N, C-alpha and C. Protein backbone atom coordinates (compact mmCIF):
# COMPACT_ATOMS: atom_id res chain seq x y z
N MET A 1 -38.33 -87.34 -57.81
CA MET A 1 -37.72 -85.87 -57.43
C MET A 1 -38.77 -85.09 -56.80
N ASP A 2 -40.22 -85.76 -57.13
CA ASP A 2 -41.10 -84.99 -56.37
C ASP A 2 -41.03 -85.57 -55.02
N GLY A 3 -40.82 -86.86 -54.74
CA GLY A 3 -40.87 -87.36 -53.48
C GLY A 3 -39.66 -86.60 -52.58
N LEU A 4 -38.44 -86.26 -53.33
CA LEU A 4 -37.47 -85.56 -52.29
C LEU A 4 -37.73 -84.35 -52.17
N ARG A 5 -38.47 -83.45 -52.98
CA ARG A 5 -39.22 -82.26 -52.89
C ARG A 5 -40.05 -82.25 -51.78
N GLY A 6 -40.93 -83.37 -51.68
CA GLY A 6 -42.05 -83.25 -50.70
C GLY A 6 -41.39 -83.61 -49.36
N ASP A 7 -40.06 -84.26 -49.13
CA ASP A 7 -39.75 -84.49 -48.13
C ASP A 7 -38.82 -83.53 -47.47
N LEU A 8 -38.15 -82.93 -48.20
CA LEU A 8 -37.32 -81.39 -48.04
C LEU A 8 -38.71 -80.16 -47.50
N GLY A 9 -39.74 -80.43 -48.27
CA GLY A 9 -40.78 -79.45 -47.66
C GLY A 9 -41.29 -79.85 -46.39
N GLN A 10 -41.23 -81.26 -45.99
CA GLN A 10 -41.58 -81.64 -44.80
C GLN A 10 -40.70 -81.08 -43.78
N LEU A 11 -39.32 -81.29 -44.04
CA LEU A 11 -38.37 -81.07 -42.84
C LEU A 11 -38.28 -79.43 -42.71
N LEU A 12 -38.49 -78.69 -44.10
CA LEU A 12 -38.61 -77.35 -43.67
C LEU A 12 -39.70 -76.78 -42.86
N ASN A 13 -40.79 -77.84 -43.09
CA ASN A 13 -41.76 -77.09 -41.96
C ASN A 13 -41.70 -77.62 -40.74
N ASP A 14 -41.01 -78.68 -40.45
CA ASP A 14 -40.94 -79.17 -39.19
C ASP A 14 -39.80 -78.13 -38.53
N TRP A 15 -38.80 -77.74 -39.15
CA TRP A 15 -37.92 -76.97 -38.61
C TRP A 15 -38.37 -75.71 -38.38
N LEU A 16 -39.20 -74.77 -39.27
CA LEU A 16 -39.64 -73.92 -38.84
C LEU A 16 -40.65 -73.77 -37.73
N GLU A 17 -41.67 -74.97 -37.55
CA GLU A 17 -42.40 -75.10 -36.31
C GLU A 17 -41.60 -75.10 -35.20
N LYS A 18 -40.43 -75.69 -35.15
CA LYS A 18 -39.69 -76.16 -34.05
C LYS A 18 -38.84 -74.47 -33.83
N ARG A 19 -38.47 -73.89 -34.66
CA ARG A 19 -37.98 -72.56 -34.04
C ARG A 19 -39.19 -71.49 -33.80
N ARG A 20 -40.24 -71.57 -34.26
CA ARG A 20 -41.28 -70.61 -33.62
C ARG A 20 -41.44 -71.19 -32.15
N VAL A 21 -41.61 -72.37 -31.97
CA VAL A 21 -41.67 -72.72 -30.49
C VAL A 21 -40.84 -72.34 -29.84
N ALA A 22 -39.34 -72.36 -30.30
CA ALA A 22 -37.91 -72.08 -29.44
C ALA A 22 -38.24 -70.47 -28.92
N THR A 23 -38.75 -69.92 -30.09
CA THR A 23 -38.55 -68.33 -30.10
C THR A 23 -39.87 -67.99 -28.98
N ARG A 24 -41.04 -68.61 -29.09
CA ARG A 24 -42.19 -68.58 -27.99
C ARG A 24 -41.36 -68.86 -26.60
N ASP A 25 -41.08 -69.87 -26.27
CA ASP A 25 -40.17 -70.47 -24.87
C ASP A 25 -39.13 -69.36 -24.33
N ALA A 26 -38.22 -68.77 -25.67
CA ALA A 26 -37.45 -67.90 -25.09
C ALA A 26 -37.96 -66.27 -24.93
N HIS A 27 -38.97 -66.04 -25.45
CA HIS A 27 -39.81 -65.04 -25.16
C HIS A 27 -40.57 -65.09 -23.69
N VAL A 28 -41.10 -66.42 -23.43
CA VAL A 28 -41.74 -66.25 -22.00
C VAL A 28 -40.64 -66.37 -21.05
N ARG A 29 -39.70 -67.18 -21.26
CA ARG A 29 -38.54 -66.86 -20.42
C ARG A 29 -38.03 -65.76 -19.99
N LEU A 30 -37.83 -64.94 -21.02
CA LEU A 30 -37.40 -63.58 -20.81
C LEU A 30 -38.49 -62.77 -20.06
N MET A 31 -39.68 -62.71 -20.46
CA MET A 31 -40.54 -62.24 -19.63
C MET A 31 -40.47 -62.47 -18.33
N TYR A 32 -40.38 -63.88 -17.68
CA TYR A 32 -40.54 -64.29 -16.25
C TYR A 32 -38.83 -63.83 -15.77
N GLY A 33 -38.23 -63.79 -16.35
CA GLY A 33 -36.77 -63.30 -15.87
C GLY A 33 -36.85 -61.73 -15.54
N THR A 34 -37.17 -61.06 -16.61
CA THR A 34 -37.27 -59.73 -16.09
C THR A 34 -38.21 -59.32 -15.05
N ALA A 35 -39.36 -60.09 -15.19
CA ALA A 35 -40.27 -59.93 -13.58
C ALA A 35 -39.64 -60.28 -12.39
N ALA A 36 -39.06 -61.29 -12.46
CA ALA A 36 -38.26 -61.51 -11.17
C ALA A 36 -36.72 -60.49 -10.87
N LEU A 37 -36.48 -59.88 -11.75
CA LEU A 37 -35.45 -58.70 -11.75
C LEU A 37 -36.17 -57.58 -11.20
N VAL A 38 -37.50 -57.16 -11.58
CA VAL A 38 -38.13 -56.05 -11.17
C VAL A 38 -38.48 -56.38 -9.77
N VAL A 39 -38.80 -57.45 -9.36
CA VAL A 39 -39.18 -57.56 -8.02
C VAL A 39 -38.10 -57.72 -7.05
N VAL A 40 -36.90 -58.43 -7.56
CA VAL A 40 -35.49 -58.06 -6.61
C VAL A 40 -35.28 -56.66 -6.49
N ALA A 41 -35.44 -55.75 -7.51
CA ALA A 41 -35.18 -54.49 -7.51
C ALA A 41 -36.23 -53.83 -6.63
N ILE A 42 -37.39 -53.77 -6.56
CA ILE A 42 -38.15 -53.35 -5.58
C ILE A 42 -38.04 -53.54 -4.41
N LEU A 43 -37.75 -55.25 -3.95
CA LEU A 43 -37.36 -55.26 -2.72
C LEU A 43 -36.10 -54.74 -2.08
N VAL A 44 -35.13 -54.81 -3.16
CA VAL A 44 -33.92 -53.88 -2.50
C VAL A 44 -34.06 -52.37 -2.31
N CYS A 45 -34.98 -51.45 -3.26
CA CYS A 45 -35.23 -50.28 -2.86
C CYS A 45 -36.05 -50.08 -1.63
N CYS A 46 -37.06 -51.10 -1.35
CA CYS A 46 -37.90 -51.19 -0.04
C CYS A 46 -36.80 -51.09 1.11
N LEU A 47 -35.84 -51.92 0.83
CA LEU A 47 -34.76 -52.27 2.13
C LEU A 47 -34.09 -51.12 2.26
N LEU A 48 -33.47 -50.38 1.18
CA LEU A 48 -32.92 -49.13 1.45
C LEU A 48 -33.67 -48.01 2.01
N VAL A 49 -35.03 -47.87 1.43
CA VAL A 49 -35.46 -46.84 2.28
C VAL A 49 -35.91 -47.20 3.69
N TYR A 50 -36.22 -48.16 3.94
CA TYR A 50 -36.26 -49.06 5.50
C TYR A 50 -34.99 -48.56 6.02
N THR A 51 -33.89 -48.89 5.45
CA THR A 51 -32.86 -48.62 6.35
C THR A 51 -32.69 -47.04 6.62
N LEU A 52 -32.91 -46.35 5.66
CA LEU A 52 -32.81 -44.79 5.66
C LEU A 52 -33.34 -44.41 6.46
N PHE A 53 -34.44 -44.49 6.66
CA PHE A 53 -35.71 -43.54 7.32
C PHE A 53 -36.06 -44.08 8.89
N ILE A 54 -35.89 -45.66 9.42
CA ILE A 54 -36.47 -46.24 10.13
C ILE A 54 -35.25 -46.76 10.94
N GLU A 55 -34.42 -47.24 10.53
CA GLU A 55 -33.23 -47.84 11.11
C GLU A 55 -32.06 -46.83 11.54
N ARG A 56 -31.92 -45.81 10.88
CA ARG A 56 -30.73 -44.91 10.82
C ARG A 56 -30.90 -43.90 12.19
N PRO A 57 -32.11 -43.57 13.02
CA PRO A 57 -31.91 -42.83 13.94
C PRO A 57 -31.60 -44.10 15.13
N HIS A 58 -31.74 -45.09 15.12
CA HIS A 58 -31.31 -46.10 16.01
C HIS A 58 -29.78 -46.09 15.95
N TYR A 59 -29.24 -46.25 14.57
CA TYR A 59 -27.93 -46.25 14.43
C TYR A 59 -27.26 -44.85 15.06
N SER A 60 -27.65 -43.94 15.03
CA SER A 60 -27.25 -42.42 15.34
C SER A 60 -27.27 -42.61 17.06
N SER A 61 -28.47 -43.12 17.34
CA SER A 61 -28.41 -42.83 19.18
C SER A 61 -27.59 -43.98 19.55
N SER A 62 -27.26 -45.03 18.77
CA SER A 62 -26.20 -46.20 19.39
C SER A 62 -24.85 -45.63 19.29
N ASP A 63 -24.63 -44.95 18.22
CA ASP A 63 -23.20 -44.16 18.05
C ASP A 63 -22.84 -43.33 19.10
N ALA A 64 -24.19 -42.52 19.37
CA ALA A 64 -23.83 -41.27 20.45
C ALA A 64 -23.36 -42.10 21.91
N ARG A 65 -24.28 -43.29 22.02
CA ARG A 65 -24.28 -43.89 23.34
C ARG A 65 -22.28 -44.62 23.45
N LEU A 66 -22.01 -45.18 21.97
CA LEU A 66 -20.73 -45.55 21.95
C LEU A 66 -19.67 -44.64 22.01
N ARG A 67 -19.98 -43.28 21.45
CA ARG A 67 -18.84 -42.21 21.88
C ARG A 67 -18.47 -42.01 23.30
N LYS A 68 -19.38 -42.42 24.23
CA LYS A 68 -19.21 -41.98 25.71
C LYS A 68 -17.85 -42.99 26.14
N PHE A 69 -18.05 -44.09 25.48
CA PHE A 69 -17.06 -45.39 26.02
C PHE A 69 -15.81 -45.18 25.44
N ILE A 70 -16.03 -45.18 23.93
CA ILE A 70 -14.74 -45.30 22.83
C ILE A 70 -14.58 -43.86 22.44
N PRO A 71 -13.28 -43.72 22.84
CA PRO A 71 -12.94 -42.33 22.28
C PRO A 71 -12.70 -42.46 20.55
N ILE A 72 -13.45 -41.93 19.79
CA ILE A 72 -13.62 -41.90 18.46
C ILE A 72 -12.63 -40.57 17.93
N PRO A 73 -11.20 -40.50 17.35
CA PRO A 73 -11.03 -39.56 16.77
C PRO A 73 -12.13 -38.48 15.63
N GLN A 74 -11.84 -37.29 15.90
CA GLN A 74 -12.55 -36.18 14.92
C GLN A 74 -11.89 -36.47 13.60
N ARG A 75 -12.30 -36.14 12.20
CA ARG A 75 -11.91 -36.29 11.08
C ARG A 75 -11.04 -34.91 11.04
N SER A 76 -10.19 -35.12 10.19
CA SER A 76 -9.25 -33.94 9.89
C SER A 76 -9.61 -32.97 8.87
N THR A 77 -9.60 -31.72 9.08
CA THR A 77 -10.24 -31.01 7.67
C THR A 77 -9.22 -30.74 7.04
N GLY A 78 -7.99 -31.00 6.99
CA GLY A 78 -6.80 -30.45 6.38
C GLY A 78 -6.06 -29.36 6.35
N ARG A 79 -6.83 -28.55 7.25
CA ARG A 79 -6.01 -27.36 7.72
C ARG A 79 -5.39 -27.44 9.01
N PRO A 80 -4.39 -26.58 9.13
CA PRO A 80 -3.34 -26.64 10.45
C PRO A 80 -4.53 -25.98 11.59
N ARG A 81 -4.20 -26.68 12.76
CA ARG A 81 -5.07 -26.09 13.80
C ARG A 81 -4.56 -24.60 14.42
N THR A 82 -5.01 -23.68 14.50
CA THR A 82 -4.91 -22.46 15.26
C THR A 82 -4.97 -22.39 16.60
N THR A 83 -3.90 -22.19 17.39
CA THR A 83 -3.91 -22.26 18.66
C THR A 83 -4.22 -20.64 19.19
N ARG A 84 -5.07 -20.22 20.22
CA ARG A 84 -5.47 -19.18 20.81
C ARG A 84 -4.89 -19.16 22.15
């Protein structure tokens, strides 16, 4: 009986050690995954700011040049037009 108790104690210790190592590994992977997502979010925000402040004037100037050659209809306001 003492041998069985010793074997079960050894199995429990092995299982607890594996669980501790697996938990630490999951924690490390979670931290690296979180850091990677933060980096991607920062890059996307930088791209949005770049597009908003730097590329937008270029788009508007090319849009003005295109309006000379391509008739673009104006948006309707929903109100009937009044003629004078």
